[in-house]
Protein backbone atom coordinates (compact mmCIF):
# COMPACT_ATOMS: atom_id res chain seq x y z
CA MET A 1 185.28 130.54 125.77
CA LYS A 2 182.12 130.49 127.90
CA LYS A 3 183.00 133.95 129.27
CA TRP A 4 183.23 135.44 125.76
CA THR A 5 179.97 133.84 124.67
CA THR A 6 178.21 135.40 127.67
CA VAL A 7 179.72 138.82 126.90
CA PHE A 8 178.61 138.68 123.26
CA LEU A 9 175.11 137.48 124.15
CA LEU A 10 174.79 140.38 126.60
CA ALA A 11 175.98 142.80 123.89
CA PHE A 12 173.42 141.28 121.51
CA VAL A 13 170.58 141.85 123.98
CA LEU A 14 171.68 145.44 124.61
CA LEU A 15 171.86 146.12 120.86
CA CYS A 16 168.36 144.81 120.38
CA CYS A 17 166.92 146.81 123.28
CA GLY A 18 168.64 150.00 122.19
CA SER A 19 167.23 149.99 118.69
CA SER A 20 164.10 152.06 119.24
CA SER A 21 163.35 154.42 116.40
CA ASN A 22 162.76 158.15 116.51
CA VAL A 23 159.50 159.28 114.99
CA PHE A 24 159.70 162.65 113.26
CA ALA A 25 156.00 163.39 113.20
CA ASP A 26 154.30 165.77 115.57
CA TRP A 27 151.33 163.82 116.89
CA ASN A 28 149.92 167.09 118.28
CA SER A 29 149.34 168.28 114.71
CA ARG A 30 147.50 166.83 111.74
CA PHE A 31 149.88 165.02 109.41
CA VAL A 32 150.18 162.57 106.56
CA VAL A 33 153.17 160.46 105.61
CA TYR A 34 154.02 160.21 101.92
CA ASP A 35 157.04 158.47 100.41
CA GLY A 36 158.90 158.44 103.73
CA GLY A 37 158.29 162.10 104.50
CA SER A 38 156.11 163.66 107.18
CA TYR A 39 153.81 166.46 105.97
CA THR A 40 151.82 168.77 108.24
CA VAL A 41 148.28 169.19 106.94
CA THR A 42 147.33 172.86 106.75
CA ASP A 43 144.01 174.65 106.18
CA ALA A 44 145.40 176.33 103.02
CA LYS A 45 143.16 175.47 100.06
CA VAL A 46 144.68 174.42 96.76
CA THR A 47 142.60 175.28 93.71
CA GLU A 48 141.71 172.51 91.25
CA ASP A 49 143.66 174.16 88.42
CA ARG A 50 146.87 173.61 90.47
CA ILE A 51 146.24 169.91 91.11
CA GLY A 52 148.65 167.63 89.28
CA LYS A 53 148.77 163.86 89.06
CA LYS A 54 147.75 161.54 91.87
CA ILE A 55 150.89 160.44 93.71
CA GLY A 56 149.52 158.21 96.44
CA LYS A 57 146.91 157.68 99.11
CA VAL A 58 146.56 157.02 102.82
CA THR A 59 147.10 153.30 103.36
CA HIS A 60 146.62 153.35 107.14
CA TYR A 61 144.82 155.67 109.54
CA SER A 62 145.54 155.79 113.25
CA ASP A 63 145.12 158.33 116.00
CA ARG A 64 147.28 156.24 118.34
CA GLU A 65 150.84 157.46 118.69
CA ASP A 66 153.15 154.77 117.36
CA THR A 67 155.45 154.02 114.43
CA TYR A 68 153.67 152.94 111.26
CA ARG A 69 154.83 152.06 107.78
CA GLY A 70 153.53 153.26 104.47
CA ASN A 71 151.46 156.32 103.66
CA PHE A 72 149.50 156.83 106.83
CA SER A 73 147.76 159.67 108.59
CA ASN A 74 146.55 160.63 112.03
CA THR A 75 143.78 162.78 110.57
CA MET A 76 142.76 161.61 107.10
CA PRO A 77 140.86 158.36 106.54
CA LYS A 78 142.32 155.38 104.69
CA GLY A 79 142.02 155.91 100.93
CA THR A 80 142.47 159.72 101.05
CA ALA A 81 144.34 160.72 97.88
CA TYR A 82 147.58 162.71 97.66
CA TYR A 83 148.32 164.87 94.61
CA ALA A 84 151.28 166.76 93.26
CA ILE A 85 150.78 170.53 93.08
CA ILE A 86 151.67 172.04 89.71
CA GLY A 87 154.76 174.21 90.09
CA GLU A 88 155.71 172.73 93.49
CA ASN A 89 158.23 170.06 94.39
CA THR A 90 156.60 167.14 96.21
CA ARG A 91 159.43 167.34 98.75
CA ASP A 92 158.08 170.77 99.74
CA THR A 93 154.30 170.56 99.45
CA ILE A 94 151.61 168.10 98.37
CA ALA A 95 147.83 168.40 98.09
CA VAL A 96 145.55 166.19 100.13
CA GLN A 97 141.96 165.66 99.04
CA THR A 98 139.49 166.17 101.87
CA PRO A 99 136.44 163.94 102.38
CA GLU A 100 134.38 166.86 101.02
CA GLY A 101 136.34 166.80 97.74
CA ASP A 102 138.39 169.95 98.34
CA TYR A 103 142.18 170.05 98.24
CA ILE A 104 144.39 171.34 101.04
CA ALA A 105 148.14 171.77 101.24
CA ALA A 106 150.39 169.57 103.35
CA VAL A 107 153.88 170.96 104.02
CA TYR A 108 156.98 168.76 104.28
CA ASP A 109 158.39 168.57 107.83
CA GLY A 110 161.22 166.13 107.30
CA ARG A 111 161.93 162.46 106.95
CA TYR A 112 159.64 160.18 108.89
CA ALA A 113 161.98 157.83 110.74
CA GLY A 114 159.39 155.06 110.88
CA ALA A 115 159.59 154.74 107.12
CA GLY A 116 163.20 153.62 106.88
CA PRO A 117 164.34 150.03 106.63
CA TRP A 118 166.48 150.28 109.80
CA THR A 119 163.60 151.01 112.17
CA SER A 120 162.35 147.47 112.43
CA VAL A 121 163.53 145.73 115.57
CA TYR A 122 163.75 142.54 113.52
CA VAL A 123 166.27 144.12 111.14
CA TRP A 124 168.39 145.26 114.10
CA MET A 125 168.14 141.83 115.74
CA GLY A 126 169.18 140.14 112.51
CA ALA A 127 172.11 142.51 112.00
CA ALA A 128 173.22 142.04 115.61
CA ALA A 129 172.93 138.25 115.29
CA VAL A 130 175.12 138.28 112.18
CA VAL A 131 177.77 140.35 113.99
CA VAL A 132 177.70 138.12 117.08
CA LEU A 133 177.91 134.93 115.00
CA ALA A 134 180.81 136.34 112.97
CA ILE A 135 182.70 137.22 116.16
CA ILE A 136 182.05 133.77 117.68
CA ALA A 137 183.19 132.09 114.46
CA ALA A 138 186.35 134.20 114.40
CA MET A 139 187.08 133.37 118.04
CA ARG A 140 186.58 129.64 117.45
CA GLY A 141 188.90 129.83 114.46
CA ALA A 142 191.54 131.57 116.59
CA ASN A 143 191.14 128.99 119.36
CA SER A 144 191.55 126.05 116.94
CA LYS A 145 194.74 127.60 115.55
CA GLN A 146 196.14 127.95 119.08
CA LYS A 147 195.26 124.31 119.88
CA ALA A 148 196.93 123.15 116.67
CA ARG A 149 200.23 124.67 117.78
């Protein structure tokens, strides 16, 4: 039994260490994250008559490469507003209001992996712990049945 416990604890540690997330945001470019998607900020102006409703804002600014949650940016300050563009799907393009009050387009690049619920090391550790405990419980149950015979 001690041998199996050691094996499962080692597997648990390896699962936890191997759970690093992939970040789908190019830190060499200007970007914002909105609703789990990474958008490259362009210099293309969006006229005010094409600005739709406000859909969000930057909740965290950082120029340090890492994985962040929420609507963050590596170029726009906290509080910068995001808007829908009339006639465009927000999964393709959004408008970002500049500090000067202009609007520029941000183009969807893909899902930002840091936004998903499975990127947290704590979630992976919890899931791995549940699996390990279930296996240990099943093994103990099998051992007690063998002893009962």
